[in-house]
Amino acid sequence: MSAVRLDLNVPTFQRDLFALEKAERHAVLNTLARLHRLDWETLYRAPGLNWEKVHAQAGPGGETLYTLRVSQKSRLLCTRTGDTLHCISIHPDHDSAYGR
């Protein structure tokens, strides 16, 4: 399976990333570096990332949303198009990533 490509250009993701405290921002960046080294099959099975489909809501264009753990506190809301993982937003509160 092919490597994960990261799209970090979504404005809400950038806003969330730059608003994080330094330690949390570093944790998120470390996770993104880890994702960059994975292929999709490994990402799905990677311990600690907890890849999950979001059933309660759809993405901006109606696409399927997923979450994964980026730190002990935070989850990343994302979509997948082909081999690209589009980072939509960062949620310091796990439940907020699921639209709760």
PDB file of N, CA and C in Angstrom:
ATOM      1  N   MET A   1       0.849  -1.182   0.000  1.00  0.00           N
ATOM      2  CA  MET A   1       0.000   0.000   0.000  1.00  0.00           C
ATOM      3  C   MET A   1       0.895   1.246   0.000  1.00  0.00           C
ATOM      4  N   SER A   2       0.382   2.338  -0.483  1.00  0.00           N
ATOM      5  CA  SER A   2       1.196   3.533  -0.652  1.00  0.00           C
ATOM      6  C   SER A   2       1.307   4.373   0.625  1.00  0.00           C
ATOM      7  N   ALA A   3       2.272   5.272   0.594  1.00  0.00           N
ATOM      8  CA  ALA A   3       2.564   6.128   1.745  1.00  0.00           C
ATOM      9  C   ALA A   3       1.462   7.157   1.956  1.00  0.00           C
ATOM     10  N   VAL A   4       1.292   7.549   3.202  1.00  0.00           N
ATOM     11  CA  VAL A   4       0.335   8.601   3.565  1.00  0.00           C
ATOM     12  C   VAL A   4       0.933   9.945   3.163  1.00  0.00           C
ATOM     13  N   ARG A   5       0.164  10.718   2.408  1.00  0.00           N
ATOM     14  CA  ARG A   5       0.534  12.099   2.069  1.00  0.00           C
ATOM     15  C   ARG A   5      -0.304  13.016   2.933  1.00  0.00           C
ATOM     16  N   LEU A   6       0.304  14.033   3.516  1.00  0.00           N
ATOM     17  CA  LEU A   6      -0.399  14.940   4.420  1.00  0.00           C
ATOM     18  C   LEU A   6      -0.739  16.253   3.727  1.00  0.00           C
ATOM     19  N   ASP A   7      -1.997  16.677   3.873  1.00  0.00           N
ATOM     20  CA  ASP A   7      -2.433  18.001   3.434  1.00  0.00           C
ATOM     21  C   ASP A   7      -2.687  18.809   4.698  1.00  0.00           C
ATOM     22  N   LEU A   8      -1.819  19.782   4.957  1.00  0.00           N
ATOM     23  CA  LEU A   8      -1.910  20.619   6.151  1.00  0.00           C
ATOM     24  C   LEU A   8      -2.375  22.030   5.806  1.00  0.00           C
ATOM     25  N   ASN A   9      -2.984  22.201   4.644  1.00  0.00           N
ATOM     26  CA  ASN A   9      -3.319  23.530   4.143  1.00  0.00           C
ATOM     27  C   ASN A   9      -4.733  23.998   4.439  1.00  0.00           C
ATOM     28  N   VAL A  10      -5.511  23.236   5.181  1.00  0.00           N
ATOM     29  CA  VAL A  10      -6.873  23.649   5.518  1.00  0.00           C
ATOM     30  C   VAL A  10      -6.800  24.753   6.581  1.00  0.00           C
ATOM     31  N   PRO A  11      -7.415  25.898   6.325  1.00  0.00           N
ATOM     32  CA  PRO A  11      -7.298  27.035   7.262  1.00  0.00           C
ATOM     33  C   PRO A  11      -7.720  26.719   8.702  1.00  0.00           C
ATOM     34  N   THR A  12      -8.763  25.919   8.898  1.00  0.00           N
ATOM     35  CA  THR A  12      -9.177  25.602  10.279  1.00  0.00           C
ATOM     36  C   THR A  12      -8.110  24.777  10.989  1.00  0.00           C
ATOM     37  N   PHE A  13      -7.475  23.862  10.280  1.00  0.00           N
ATOM     38  CA  PHE A  13      -6.398  23.073  10.871  1.00  0.00           C
ATOM     39  C   PHE A  13      -5.240  23.982  11.263  1.00  0.00           C
ATOM     40  N   GLN A  14      -4.846  24.885  10.372  1.00  0.00           N
ATOM     41  CA  GLN A  14      -3.743  25.795  10.663  1.00  0.00           C
ATOM     42  C   GLN A  14      -4.063  26.687  11.854  1.00  0.00           C
ATOM     43  N   ARG A  15      -5.286  27.204  11.902  1.00  0.00           N
ATOM     44  CA  ARG A  15      -5.703  28.050  13.033  1.00  0.00           C
ATOM     45  C   ARG A  15      -5.598  27.267  14.341  1.00  0.00           C
ATOM     46  N   ASP A  16      -6.104  26.034  14.336  1.00  0.00           N
ATOM     47  CA  ASP A  16      -6.061  25.202  15.543  1.00  0.00           C
ATOM     48  C   ASP A  16      -4.628  24.893  15.956  1.00  0.00           C
ATOM     49  N   LEU A  17      -3.777  24.564  14.989  1.00  0.00           N
ATOM     50  CA  LEU A  17      -2.384  24.225  15.278  1.00  0.00           C
ATOM     51  C   LEU A  17      -1.645  25.406  15.902  1.00  0.00           C
ATOM     52  N   PHE A  18      -1.801  26.583  15.315  1.00  0.00           N
ATOM     53  CA  PHE A  18      -1.079  27.754  15.806  1.00  0.00           C
ATOM     54  C   PHE A  18      -1.614  28.257  17.147  1.00  0.00           C
ATOM     55  N   ALA A  19      -2.820  27.866  17.508  1.00  0.00           N
ATOM     56  CA  ALA A  19      -3.414  28.291  18.779  1.00  0.00           C
ATOM     57  C   ALA A  19      -3.029  27.376  19.949  1.00  0.00           C
ATOM     58  N   LEU A  20      -2.400  26.241  19.667  1.00  0.00           N
ATOM     59  CA  LEU A  20      -2.049  25.297  20.731  1.00  0.00           C
ATOM     60  C   LEU A  20      -0.900  25.814  21.591  1.00  0.00           C
ATOM     61  N   GLU A  21      -0.893  25.375  22.841  1.00  0.00           N
ATOM     62  CA  GLU A  21       0.247  25.630  23.719  1.00  0.00           C
ATOM     63  C   GLU A  21       1.467  24.914  23.126  1.00  0.00           C
ATOM     64  N   LYS A  22       2.651  25.392  23.460  1.00  0.00           N
ATOM     65  CA  LYS A  22       3.882  24.878  22.872  1.00  0.00           C
ATOM     66  C   LYS A  22       4.020  23.358  23.001  1.00  0.00           C
ATOM     67  N   ALA A  23       3.816  22.824  24.179  1.00  0.00           N
ATOM     68  CA  ALA A  23       3.992  21.381  24.395  1.00  0.00           C
ATOM     69  C   ALA A  23       2.990  20.579  23.565  1.00  0.00           C
ATOM     70  N   GLU A  24       1.751  21.038  23.524  1.00  0.00           N
ATOM     71  CA  GLU A  24       0.725  20.331  22.750  1.00  0.00           C
ATOM     72  C   GLU A  24       1.008  20.442  21.257  1.00  0.00           C
ATOM     73  N   ARG A  25       1.469  21.602  20.814  1.00  0.00           N
ATOM     74  CA  ARG A  25       1.821  21.795  19.404  1.00  0.00           C
ATOM     75  C   ARG A  25       2.937  20.837  18.997  1.00  0.00           C
ATOM     76  N   HIS A  26       3.934  20.674  19.852  1.00  0.00           N
ATOM     77  CA  HIS A  26       5.028  19.739  19.562  1.00  0.00           C
ATOM     78  C   HIS A  26       4.523  18.299  19.497  1.00  0.00           C
ATOM     79  N   ALA A  27       3.602  17.946  20.372  1.00  0.00           N
ATOM     80  CA  ALA A  27       3.029  16.597  20.340  1.00  0.00           C
ATOM     81  C   ALA A  27       2.303  16.354  19.022  1.00  0.00           C
ATOM     82  N   VAL A  28       1.552  17.346  18.573  1.00  0.00           N
ATOM     83  CA  VAL A  28       0.833  17.223  17.302  1.00  0.00           C
ATOM     84  C   VAL A  28       1.826  17.106  16.144  1.00  0.00           C
ATOM     85  N   LEU A  29       2.853  17.953  16.138  1.00  0.00           N
ATOM     86  CA  LEU A  29       3.842  17.900  15.061  1.00  0.00           C
ATOM     87  C   LEU A  29       4.592  16.572  15.047  1.00  0.00           C
ATOM     88  N   ASN A  30       4.890  16.016  16.223  1.00  0.00           N
ATOM     89  CA  ASN A  30       5.537  14.704  16.285  1.00  0.00           C
ATOM     90  C   ASN A  30       4.646  13.622  15.697  1.00  0.00           C
ATOM     91  N   THR A  31       3.355  13.696  15.974  1.00  0.00           N
ATOM     92  CA  THR A  31       2.421  12.716  15.405  1.00  0.00           C
ATOM     93  C   THR A  31       2.335  12.877  13.892  1.00  0.00           C
ATOM     94  N   LEU A  32       2.297  14.110  13.398  1.00  0.00           N
ATOM     95  CA  LEU A  32       2.257  14.331  11.952  1.00  0.00           C
ATOM     96  C   LEU A  32       3.522  13.779  11.285  1.00  0.00           C
ATOM     97  N   ALA A  33       4.666  13.938  11.925  1.00  0.00           N
ATOM     98  CA  ALA A  33       5.914  13.373  11.393  1.00  0.00           C
ATOM     99  C   ALA A  33       5.826  11.850  11.353  1.00  0.00           C
ATOM    100  N   ARG A  34       5.233  11.257  12.361  1.00  0.00           N
ATOM    101  CA  ARG A  34       5.039   9.803  12.390  1.00  0.00           C
ATOM    102  C   ARG A  34       4.116   9.374  11.248  1.00  0.00           C
ATOM    103  N   LEU A  35       3.012  10.086  11.063  1.00  0.00           N
ATOM    104  CA  LEU A  35       2.067   9.755   9.988  1.00  0.00           C
ATOM    105  C   LEU A  35       2.749   9.813   8.624  1.00  0.00           C
ATOM    106  N   HIS A  36       3.613  10.792   8.448  1.00  0.00           N
ATOM    107  CA  HIS A  36       4.317  10.986   7.183  1.00  0.00           C
ATOM    108  C   HIS A  36       5.189   9.782   6.814  1.00  0.00           C
ATOM    109  N   ARG A  37       5.617   9.021   7.805  1.00  0.00           N
ATOM    110  CA  ARG A  37       6.484   7.860   7.581  1.00  0.00           C
ATOM    111  C   ARG A  37       5.696   6.567   7.379  1.00  0.00           C
ATOM    112  N   LEU A  38       4.367   6.607   7.544  1.00  0.00           N
ATOM    113  CA  LEU A  38       3.559   5.387   7.485  1.00  0.00           C
ATOM    114  C   LEU A  38       2.935   5.175   6.115  1.00  0.00           C
ATOM    115  N   ASP A  39       2.574   3.915   5.847  1.00  0.00           N
ATOM    116  CA  ASP A  39       1.675   3.647   4.729  1.00  0.00           C
ATOM    117  C   ASP A  39       0.277   3.492   5.322  1.00  0.00           C
ATOM    118  N   TRP A  40      -0.735   3.439   4.466  1.00  0.00           N
ATOM    119  CA  TRP A  40      -2.118   3.449   4.957  1.00  0.00           C
ATOM    120  C   TRP A  40      -2.457   2.230   5.803  1.00  0.00           C
ATOM    121  N   GLU A  41      -2.001   1.062   5.407  1.00  0.00           N
ATOM    122  CA  GLU A  41      -2.317  -0.149   6.172  1.00  0.00           C
ATOM    123  C   GLU A  41      -1.720  -0.061   7.579  1.00  0.00           C
ATOM    124  N   THR A  42      -0.518   0.466   7.689  1.00  0.00           N
ATOM    125  CA  THR A  42       0.130   0.618   8.992  1.00  0.00           C
ATOM    126  C   THR A  42      -0.593   1.668   9.829  1.00  0.00           C
ATOM    127  N   LEU A  43      -1.033   2.758   9.196  1.00  0.00           N
ATOM    128  CA  LEU A  43      -1.776   3.788   9.922  1.00  0.00           C
ATOM    129  C   LEU A  43      -3.037   3.191  10.553  1.00  0.00           C
ATOM    130  N   TYR A  44      -3.771   2.390   9.792  1.00  0.00           N
ATOM    131  CA  TYR A  44      -5.016   1.804  10.303  1.00  0.00           C
ATOM    132  C   TYR A  44      -4.766   0.927  11.533  1.00  0.00           C
ATOM    133  N   ARG A  45      -3.606   0.273  11.583  1.00  0.00           N
ATOM    134  CA  ARG A  45      -3.302  -0.664  12.667  1.00  0.00           C
ATOM    135  C   ARG A  45      -2.393  -0.083  13.740  1.00  0.00           C
ATOM    136  N   ALA A  46      -1.897   1.131  13.552  1.00  0.00           N
ATOM    137  CA  ALA A  46      -0.879   1.700  14.446  1.00  0.00           C
ATOM    138  C   ALA A  46      -1.403   1.861  15.869  1.00  0.00           C
ATOM    139  N   PRO A  47      -0.691   1.277  16.830  1.00  0.00           N
ATOM    140  CA  PRO A  47      -1.110   1.442  18.216  1.00  0.00           C
ATOM    141  C   PRO A  47      -1.007   2.902  18.639  1.00  0.00           C
ATOM    142  N   GLY A  48      -2.005   3.353  19.334  1.00  0.00           N
ATOM    143  CA  GLY A  48      -1.995   4.709  19.841  1.00  0.00           C
ATOM    144  C   GLY A  48      -2.653   5.740  18.943  1.00  0.00           C
ATOM    145  N   LEU A  49      -2.769   5.470  17.640  1.00  0.00           N
ATOM    146  CA  LEU A  49      -3.388   6.450  16.749  1.00  0.00           C
ATOM    147  C   LEU A  49      -4.913   6.354  16.746  1.00  0.00           C
ATOM    148  N   ASN A  50      -5.445   5.174  16.978  1.00  0.00           N
ATOM    149  CA  ASN A  50      -6.887   4.967  17.107  1.00  0.00           C
ATOM    150  C   ASN A  50      -7.692   5.587  15.961  1.00  0.00           C
ATOM    151  N   TRP A  51      -7.402   5.190  14.730  1.00  0.00           N
ATOM    152  CA  TRP A  51      -8.129   5.649  13.542  1.00  0.00           C
ATOM    153  C   TRP A  51      -9.591   5.239  13.670  1.00  0.00           C
ATOM    154  N   GLU A  52     -10.519   6.202  13.601  1.00  0.00           N
ATOM    155  CA  GLU A  52     -11.947   5.910  13.750  1.00  0.00           C
ATOM    156  C   GLU A  52     -12.774   6.722  12.767  1.00  0.00           C
ATOM    157  N   LYS A  53     -13.801   6.104  12.221  1.00  0.00           N
ATOM    158  CA  LYS A  53     -14.759   6.801  11.361  1.00  0.00           C
ATOM    159  C   LYS A  53     -15.724   7.593  12.242  1.00  0.00           C
ATOM    160  N   VAL A  54     -16.064   8.805  11.811  1.00  0.00           N
ATOM    161  CA  VAL A  54     -17.034   9.648  12.519  1.00  0.00           C
ATOM    162  C   VAL A  54     -18.398   9.397  11.881  1.00  0.00           C
ATOM    163  N   HIS A  55     -19.348   8.910  12.666  1.00  0.00           N
ATOM    164  CA  HIS A  55     -20.671   8.577  12.137  1.00  0.00           C
ATOM    165  C   HIS A  55     -21.655   9.736  12.278  1.00  0.00           C
ATOM    166  N   ALA A  56     -21.390  10.670  13.170  1.00  0.00           N
ATOM    167  CA  ALA A  56     -22.363  11.717  13.502  1.00  0.00           C
ATOM    168  C   ALA A  56     -22.370  12.891  12.534  1.00  0.00           C
ATOM    169  N   GLN A  57     -21.361  13.016  11.687  1.00  0.00           N
ATOM    170  CA  GLN A  57     -21.297  14.163  10.788  1.00  0.00           C
ATOM    171  C   GLN A  57     -20.489  13.825   9.548  1.00  0.00           C
ATOM    172  N   ALA A  58     -20.606  14.661   8.524  1.00  0.00           N
ATOM    173  CA  ALA A  58     -19.849  14.510   7.278  1.00  0.00           C
ATOM    174  C   ALA A  58     -18.925  15.704   7.116  1.00  0.00           C
ATOM    175  N   GLY A  59     -17.971  15.575   6.212  1.00  0.00           N
ATOM    176  CA  GLY A  59     -17.021  16.638   5.949  1.00  0.00           C
ATOM    177  C   GLY A  59     -17.642  17.801   5.199  1.00  0.00           C
ATOM    178  N   PRO A  60     -16.857  18.859   4.962  1.00  0.00           N
ATOM    179  CA  PRO A  60     -17.352  20.068   4.308  1.00  0.00           C
ATOM    180  C   PRO A  60     -17.996  19.808   2.942  1.00  0.00           C
ATOM    181  N   GLY A  61     -17.495  18.818   2.212  1.00  0.00           N
ATOM    182  CA  GLY A  61     -18.056  18.473   0.903  1.00  0.00           C
ATOM    183  C   GLY A  61     -18.868  17.199   0.937  1.00  0.00           C
ATOM    184  N   GLY A  62     -19.299  16.782   2.133  1.00  0.00           N
ATOM    185  CA  GLY A  62     -20.075  15.557   2.282  1.00  0.00           C
ATOM    186  C   GLY A  62     -19.232  14.298   2.401  1.00  0.00           C
ATOM    187  N   GLU A  63     -17.904  14.433   2.416  1.00  0.00           N
ATOM    188  CA  GLU A  63     -17.029  13.268   2.502  1.00  0.00           C
ATOM    189  C   GLU A  63     -17.023  12.671   3.913  1.00  0.00           C
ATOM    190  N   THR A  64     -16.568  11.443   4.004  1.00  0.00           N
ATOM    191  CA  THR A  64     -16.479  10.745   5.280  1.00  0.00           C
ATOM    192  C   THR A  64     -15.380  11.373   6.130  1.00  0.00           C
ATOM    193  N   LEU A  65     -15.686  11.588   7.397  1.00  0.00           N
ATOM    194  CA  LEU A  65     -14.724  12.126   8.351  1.00  0.00           C
ATOM    195  C   LEU A  65     -14.140  10.994   9.195  1.00  0.00           C
ATOM    196  N   TYR A  66     -12.899  11.187   9.590  1.00  0.00           N
ATOM    197  CA  TYR A  66     -12.203  10.249  10.475  1.00  0.00           C
ATOM    198  C   TYR A  66     -11.507  11.048  11.567  1.00  0.00           C
ATOM    199  N   THR A  67     -11.221  10.374  12.671  1.00  0.00           N
ATOM    200  CA  THR A  67     -10.400  10.983  13.708  1.00  0.00           C
ATOM    201  C   THR A  67      -9.231  10.054  14.005  1.00  0.00           C
ATOM    202  N   LEU A  68      -8.175  10.646  14.504  1.00  0.00           N
ATOM    203  CA  LEU A  68      -7.062   9.867  15.035  1.00  0.00           C
ATOM    204  C   LEU A  68      -6.430  10.649  16.165  1.00  0.00           C
ATOM    205  N   ARG A  69      -5.834   9.923  17.070  1.00  0.00           N
ATOM    206  CA  ARG A  69      -5.224  10.534  18.250  1.00  0.00           C
ATOM    207  C   ARG A  69      -3.895  11.166  17.855  1.00  0.00           C
ATOM    208  N   VAL A  70      -3.723  12.445  18.175  1.00  0.00           N
ATOM    209  CA  VAL A  70      -2.461  13.126  17.882  1.00  0.00           C
ATOM    210  C   VAL A  70      -1.661  13.427  19.143  1.00  0.00           C
ATOM    211  N   SER A  71      -2.302  13.288  20.288  1.00  0.00           N
ATOM    212  CA  SER A  71      -1.613  13.442  21.571  1.00  0.00           C
ATOM    213  C   SER A  71      -2.519  12.812  22.629  1.00  0.00           C
ATOM    214  N   GLN A  72      -2.069  12.812  23.868  1.00  0.00           N
ATOM    215  CA  GLN A  72      -2.920  12.273  24.932  1.00  0.00           C
ATOM    216  C   GLN A  72      -4.193  13.079  25.081  1.00  0.00           C
ATOM    217  N   LYS A  73      -4.132  14.377  24.769  1.00  0.00           N
ATOM    218  CA  LYS A  73      -5.287  15.250  24.925  1.00  0.00           C
ATOM    219  C   LYS A  73      -6.131  15.370  23.657  1.00  0.00           C
ATOM    220  N   SER A  74      -5.509  15.350  22.489  1.00  0.00           N
ATOM    221  CA  SER A  74      -6.161  15.834  21.273  1.00  0.00           C
ATOM    222  C   SER A  74      -6.402  14.761  20.224  1.00  0.00           C
ATOM    223  N   ARG A  75      -7.421  15.039  19.403  1.00  0.00           N
ATOM    224  CA  ARG A  75      -7.707  14.219  18.231  1.00  0.00           C
ATOM    225  C   ARG A  75      -7.696  15.108  17.001  1.00  0.00           C
ATOM    226  N   LEU A  76      -7.320  14.525  15.880  1.00  0.00           N
ATOM    227  CA  LEU A  76      -7.298  15.199  14.593  1.00  0.00           C
ATOM    228  C   LEU A  76      -8.525  14.760  13.805  1.00  0.00           C
ATOM    229  N   LEU A  77      -9.265  15.712  13.276  1.00  0.00           N
ATOM    230  CA  LEU A  77     -10.393  15.428  12.392  1.00  0.00           C
ATOM    231  C   LEU A  77      -9.858  15.548  10.973  1.00  0.00           C
ATOM    232  N   CYS A  78     -10.113  14.519  10.141  1.00  0.00           N
ATOM    233  CA  CYS A  78      -9.527  14.497   8.812  1.00  0.00           C
ATOM    234  C   CYS A  78     -10.416  13.770   7.813  1.00  0.00           C
ATOM    235  N   THR A  79     -10.068  13.893   6.547  1.00  0.00           N
ATOM    236  CA  THR A  79     -10.692  13.140   5.472  1.00  0.00           C
ATOM    237  C   THR A  79      -9.578  12.478   4.675  1.00  0.00           C
ATOM    238  N   ARG A  80      -9.957  11.512   3.849  1.00  0.00           N
ATOM    239  CA  ARG A  80      -8.978  10.856   2.989  1.00  0.00           C
ATOM    240  C   ARG A  80      -9.455  10.934   1.546  1.00  0.00           C
ATOM    241  N   THR A  81      -8.557  11.362   0.664  1.00  0.00           N
ATOM    242  CA  THR A  81      -8.785  11.337  -0.770  1.00  0.00           C
ATOM    243  C   THR A  81      -7.597  10.628  -1.389  1.00  0.00           C
ATOM    244  N   GLY A  82      -7.810   9.441  -1.912  1.00  0.00           N
ATOM    245  CA  GLY A  82      -6.690   8.668  -2.451  1.00  0.00           C
ATOM    246  C   GLY A  82      -5.669   8.415  -1.359  1.00  0.00           C
ATOM    247  N   ASP A  83      -4.433   8.821  -1.608  1.00  0.00           N
ATOM    248  CA  ASP A  83      -3.364   8.626  -0.623  1.00  0.00           C
ATOM    249  C   ASP A  83      -3.155   9.832   0.273  1.00  0.00           C
ATOM    250  N   THR A  84      -4.020  10.844   0.153  1.00  0.00           N
ATOM    251  CA  THR A  84      -3.835  12.086   0.906  1.00  0.00           C
ATOM    252  C   THR A  84      -4.750  12.150   2.123  1.00  0.00           C
ATOM    253  N   LEU A  85      -4.154  12.441   3.257  1.00  0.00           N
ATOM    254  CA  LEU A  85      -4.876  12.682   4.498  1.00  0.00           C
ATOM    255  C   LEU A  85      -5.015  14.193   4.647  1.00  0.00           C
ATOM    256  N   HIS A  86      -6.250  14.689   4.537  1.00  0.00           N
ATOM    257  CA  HIS A  86      -6.523  16.121   4.657  1.00  0.00           C
ATOM    258  C   HIS A  86      -6.831  16.421   6.124  1.00  0.00           C
ATOM    259  N   CYS A  87      -5.990  17.194   6.773  1.00  0.00           N
ATOM    260  CA  CYS A  87      -6.171  17.552   8.177  1.00  0.00           C
ATOM    261  C   CYS A  87      -7.151  18.720   8.249  1.00  0.00           C
ATOM    262  N   ILE A  88      -8.315  18.499   8.871  1.00  0.00           N
ATOM    263  CA  ILE A  88      -9.388  19.489   8.908  1.00  0.00           C
ATOM    264  C   ILE A  88      -9.307  20.363  10.160  1.00  0.00           C
ATOM    265  N   SER A  89      -9.164  19.727  11.328  1.00  0.00           N
ATOM    266  CA  SER A  89      -9.136  20.485  12.582  1.00  0.00           C
ATOM    267  C   SER A  89      -8.528  19.635  13.686  1.00  0.00           C
ATOM    268  N   ILE A  90      -8.108  20.309  14.750  1.00  0.00           N
ATOM    269  CA  ILE A  90      -7.559  19.650  15.937  1.00  0.00           C
ATOM    270  C   ILE A  90      -8.520  19.910  17.083  1.00  0.00           C
ATOM    271  N   HIS A  91      -8.828  18.866  17.839  1.00  0.00           N
ATOM    272  CA  HIS A  91      -9.795  18.965  18.937  1.00  0.00           C
ATOM    273  C   HIS A  91      -9.149  18.542  20.253  1.00  0.00           C
ATOM    274  N   PRO A  92      -8.829  19.510  21.117  1.00  0.00           N
ATOM    275  CA  PRO A  92      -8.242  19.178  22.414  1.00  0.00           C
ATOM    276  C   PRO A  92      -9.167  18.326  23.277  1.00  0.00           C
ATOM    277  N   ASP A  93     -10.460  18.463  23.075  1.00  0.00           N
ATOM    278  CA  ASP A  93     -11.453  17.651  23.776  1.00  0.00           C
ATOM    279  C   ASP A  93     -11.893  16.545  22.821  1.00  0.00           C
ATOM    280  N   HIS A  94     -11.575  15.284  23.146  1.00  0.00           N
ATOM    281  CA  HIS A  94     -11.883  14.169  22.257  1.00  0.00           C
ATOM    282  C   HIS A  94     -13.318  14.175  21.755  1.00  0.00           C
ATOM    283  N   ASP A  95     -14.282  14.416  22.629  1.00  0.00           N
ATOM    284  CA  ASP A  95     -15.695  14.351  22.227  1.00  0.00           C
ATOM    285  C   ASP A  95     -16.054  15.392  21.188  1.00  0.00           C
ATOM    286  N   SER A  96     -15.407  16.554  21.197  1.00  0.00           N
ATOM    287  CA  SER A  96     -15.744  17.591  20.218  1.00  0.00           C
ATOM    288  C   SER A  96     -15.376  17.177  18.800  1.00  0.00           C
ATOM    289  N   ALA A  97     -14.456  16.243  18.632  1.00  0.00           N
ATOM    290  CA  ALA A  97     -14.086  15.760  17.302  1.00  0.00           C
ATOM    291  C   ALA A  97     -15.214  14.955  16.670  1.00  0.00           C
ATOM    292  N   TYR A  98     -16.116  14.462  17.485  1.00  0.00           N
ATOM    293  CA  TYR A  98     -17.208  13.626  16.990  1.00  0.00           C
ATOM    294  C   TYR A  98     -18.524  14.390  16.870  1.00  0.00           C
ATOM    295  N   GLY A  99     -18.477  15.705  17.007  1.00  0.00           N
ATOM    296  CA  GLY A  99     -19.681  16.512  16.878  1.00  0.00           C
ATOM    297  C   GLY A  99     -20.591  16.461  18.084  1.00  0.00           C
ATOM    298  N   ARG A 100     -20.061  16.073  19.226  1.00  0.00           N
ATOM    299  CA  ARG A 100     -20.870  15.977  20.457  1.00  0.00           C
ATOM    300  C   ARG A 100     -20.827  17.265  21.232  1.00  0.00           C
TER     301      ARG A 100
END
